[in-house]
Amino acid sequence: MGFDIARVKAEWEGFQTPVAQGRYPVEFDPIRRHCHMVDDTNPLFLEQGICPPVMVDYFASRGAWPPGEADILGIVRKIPTPGDRLINMNHEFEWMRYVRVGERLAVSHKVVSVDLKPIKLDPLAIWIKTESRIADERGEVVALRRNQILVHRTPEQVKAGWIRPEAAA
């Protein structure tokens, strides 16, 4: 049994979720509570109704409760990789504009690439690039979030030649 990266790439590269509407509109009270909790007195957030960048994911997702799939990690875990240890190697945002109180946000996630790139720890390490598009109620993108995720096996799994059953060719 081996691992077929070509099969995984064909199945998963370009995979995109449908646009999912956030549960709540951008609201002032959660912003105020967040700012007070982290001692952020920025008047842009507390007086002018601009959403702190760190809270955009909250408003674009299903919110805090009841729990829902908030980000790309649930999708990444479904990709058949030899290992099951995830490390978010890089996380970057590109902002098109501020998000303001009263807006409704939505998000769509995409698997950009799946590559086999050996690391010292695991010769079958998988590198997954993802992109999340956060849009307003008109469908205009307000932010792009890109992640580089490394998935690998433990040294014991490598030594034993273990591969997740769903990843075995």
Protein backbone atom coordinates (compact mmCIF):
# COMPACT_ATOMS: atom_id res chain seq x y z
CA MET A 1 0.00 0.00 0.00
CA GLY A 2 1.26 3.43 -0.87
CA PHE A 3 0.10 6.99 -1.16
CA ASP A 4 -1.03 8.41 -4.53
CA ILE A 5 -0.52 12.19 -4.49
CA ALA A 6 -1.79 12.48 -8.09
CA ARG A 7 -5.17 11.02 -7.04
CA VAL A 8 -5.43 13.36 -4.07
CA LYS A 9 -4.46 16.41 -6.16
CA ALA A 10 -7.04 15.53 -8.83
CA GLU A 11 -9.77 15.08 -6.24
CA TRP A 12 -9.06 18.03 -3.95
CA GLU A 13 -7.24 20.85 -5.76
CA GLY A 14 -9.82 23.46 -6.63
CA PHE A 15 -12.42 22.06 -4.21
CA GLN A 16 -14.57 24.95 -3.01
CA THR A 17 -17.38 25.17 -0.48
CA PRO A 18 -20.59 26.99 -1.29
CA VAL A 19 -20.89 30.49 0.12
CA ALA A 20 -22.15 30.25 3.71
CA GLN A 21 -23.81 33.24 5.32
CA GLY A 22 -22.63 34.30 8.76
CA ARG A 23 -25.13 33.70 11.53
CA TYR A 24 -25.05 37.28 12.86
CA PRO A 25 -24.56 40.70 11.28
CA VAL A 26 -21.54 42.69 12.40
CA GLU A 27 -22.71 44.05 15.77
CA PHE A 28 -21.31 46.66 18.11
CA ASP A 29 -21.74 44.78 21.43
CA PRO A 30 -19.47 41.83 20.55
CA ILE A 31 -16.89 44.32 19.23
CA ARG A 32 -17.10 46.38 22.43
CA ARG A 33 -16.77 43.25 24.62
CA HIS A 34 -13.77 42.05 22.62
CA CYS A 35 -12.06 45.44 22.82
CA HIS A 36 -12.60 45.67 26.57
CA MET A 37 -11.39 42.10 27.08
CA VAL A 38 -8.09 42.75 25.27
CA ASP A 39 -7.77 46.38 26.45
CA ASP A 40 -8.05 47.77 22.91
CA THR A 41 -9.22 51.39 23.05
CA ASN A 42 -8.94 52.09 19.32
CA PRO A 43 -11.67 54.65 18.50
CA LEU A 44 -12.10 53.11 15.04
CA PHE A 45 -13.65 50.10 16.76
CA LEU A 46 -15.29 51.69 19.81
CA GLU A 47 -16.60 54.92 18.26
CA GLN A 48 -16.70 54.61 14.48
CA GLY A 49 -18.24 51.13 14.12
CA ILE A 50 -15.40 49.45 12.26
CA CYS A 51 -14.98 45.74 12.90
CA PRO A 52 -11.57 44.72 14.30
CA PRO A 53 -9.84 42.45 11.77
CA VAL A 54 -9.59 39.66 14.32
CA MET A 55 -13.41 39.50 14.54
CA VAL A 56 -14.23 39.26 10.83
CA ASP A 57 -14.06 35.44 10.94
CA TYR A 58 -16.52 35.41 13.83
CA PHE A 59 -19.11 37.42 11.91
CA ALA A 60 -18.50 35.58 8.61
CA SER A 61 -18.96 32.17 10.26
CA ARG A 62 -21.64 30.51 12.32
CA GLY A 63 -20.71 32.50 15.44
CA ALA A 64 -19.73 31.21 18.84
CA TRP A 65 -22.80 29.13 19.75
CA PRO A 66 -24.19 26.75 18.74
CA PRO A 67 -20.93 25.59 17.19
CA GLY A 68 -20.52 25.40 13.45
CA GLU A 69 -17.71 24.90 10.97
CA ALA A 70 -15.87 28.19 11.47
CA ASP A 71 -12.92 27.74 9.15
CA ILE A 72 -11.05 25.67 6.62
CA LEU A 73 -9.62 23.11 9.08
CA GLY A 74 -12.68 20.86 8.94
CA ILE A 75 -12.22 20.57 5.18
CA VAL A 76 -8.45 20.04 5.44
CA ARG A 77 -9.03 17.13 7.85
CA LYS A 78 -11.12 15.40 5.14
CA ILE A 79 -8.28 15.44 2.59
CA PRO A 80 -6.72 11.94 2.57
CA THR A 81 -3.15 12.54 3.73
CA PRO A 82 -0.68 9.94 5.07
CA GLY A 83 -0.44 11.72 8.43
CA ASP A 84 -2.91 13.30 10.81
CA ARG A 85 -0.81 15.99 12.52
CA LEU A 86 -1.70 19.51 11.31
CA ILE A 87 0.45 22.62 11.65
CA ASN A 88 -0.70 25.99 10.32
CA MET A 89 2.62 27.18 8.88
CA ASN A 90 1.46 30.55 7.58
CA HIS A 91 -1.65 32.68 7.83
CA GLU A 92 -2.13 35.93 5.96
CA PHE A 93 -4.97 38.29 5.24
CA GLU A 94 -5.44 40.64 2.32
CA TRP A 95 -7.91 43.40 3.12
CA MET A 96 -9.91 45.17 0.43
CA ARG A 97 -11.70 47.54 2.83
CA TYR A 98 -12.96 48.00 6.39
CA VAL A 99 -15.99 46.04 7.57
CA ARG A 100 -18.58 48.08 9.47
CA VAL A 101 -21.33 47.48 12.02
CA GLY A 102 -24.55 46.43 10.31
CA GLU A 103 -22.96 44.51 7.42
CA ARG A 104 -23.69 40.84 6.82
CA LEU A 105 -20.72 38.67 5.91
CA ALA A 106 -20.37 35.30 4.22
CA VAL A 107 -17.44 32.98 3.55
CA SER A 108 -16.36 30.39 1.01
CA HIS A 109 -13.30 28.15 1.41
CA LYS A 110 -11.11 26.76 -1.36
CA VAL A 111 -8.30 24.19 -1.47
CA VAL A 112 -5.74 25.86 -3.75
CA SER A 113 -3.06 23.16 -3.83
CA VAL A 114 -2.04 19.85 -2.29
CA ASP A 115 1.67 19.02 -2.60
CA LEU A 116 3.95 16.28 -1.34
CA LYS A 117 7.12 17.94 0.02
CA PRO A 118 9.26 15.80 2.31
CA ILE A 119 10.49 17.20 5.60
CA LYS A 120 13.18 15.77 7.87
CA LEU A 121 10.53 14.26 10.12
CA ASP A 122 8.33 12.71 7.39
CA PRO A 123 9.13 11.91 3.73
CA LEU A 124 5.37 11.90 3.01
CA ALA A 125 4.60 15.35 4.45
CA ILE A 126 1.73 17.10 2.68
CA TRP A 127 1.53 20.87 2.21
CA ILE A 128 -1.97 22.27 1.64
CA LYS A 129 -2.64 25.84 0.50
CA THR A 130 -6.12 27.20 1.20
CA GLU A 131 -7.96 30.43 0.56
CA SER A 132 -11.06 31.78 2.30
CA ARG A 133 -13.04 34.54 0.62
CA ILE A 134 -14.99 36.76 3.00
CA ALA A 135 -17.66 38.80 1.24
CA ASP A 136 -20.32 41.33 2.18
CA GLU A 137 -24.06 41.04 1.48
CA ARG A 138 -23.54 42.26 -2.11
CA GLY A 139 -21.02 39.48 -2.74
CA GLU A 140 -18.07 41.90 -2.86
CA VAL A 141 -14.93 40.42 -1.35
CA VAL A 142 -13.79 42.35 1.73
CA ALA A 143 -10.91 40.03 2.72
CA LEU A 144 -8.94 37.01 1.53
CA ARG A 145 -7.37 34.69 4.08
CA ARG A 146 -4.64 32.33 2.91
CA ASN A 147 -3.24 29.43 4.93
CA GLN A 148 -0.32 27.10 4.36
CA ILE A 149 -0.96 23.91 6.31
CA LEU A 150 1.52 21.09 6.85
CA VAL A 151 0.18 17.61 7.57
CA HIS A 152 2.67 14.98 8.74
CA ARG A 153 3.08 11.73 10.66
CA THR A 154 4.81 11.17 13.99
CA PRO A 155 8.29 9.60 13.98
CA GLU A 156 6.75 6.38 15.29
CA GLN A 157 4.22 6.33 12.44
CA VAL A 158 6.96 6.97 9.88
CA LYS A 159 9.10 4.16 11.33
CA ALA A 160 6.15 1.74 11.21
CA GLY A 161 5.28 2.78 7.65
CA TRP A 162 1.81 3.81 8.82
CA ILE A 163 -0.51 5.67 6.45
CA ARG A 164 -4.07 6.74 7.31
CA PRO A 165 -6.40 4.11 5.81
CA GLU A 166 -8.32 6.71 3.76
CA ALA A 167 -5.03 7.85 2.17
CA ALA A 168 -3.73 4.43 1.17
CA ALA A 169 -3.78 3.82 -2.59
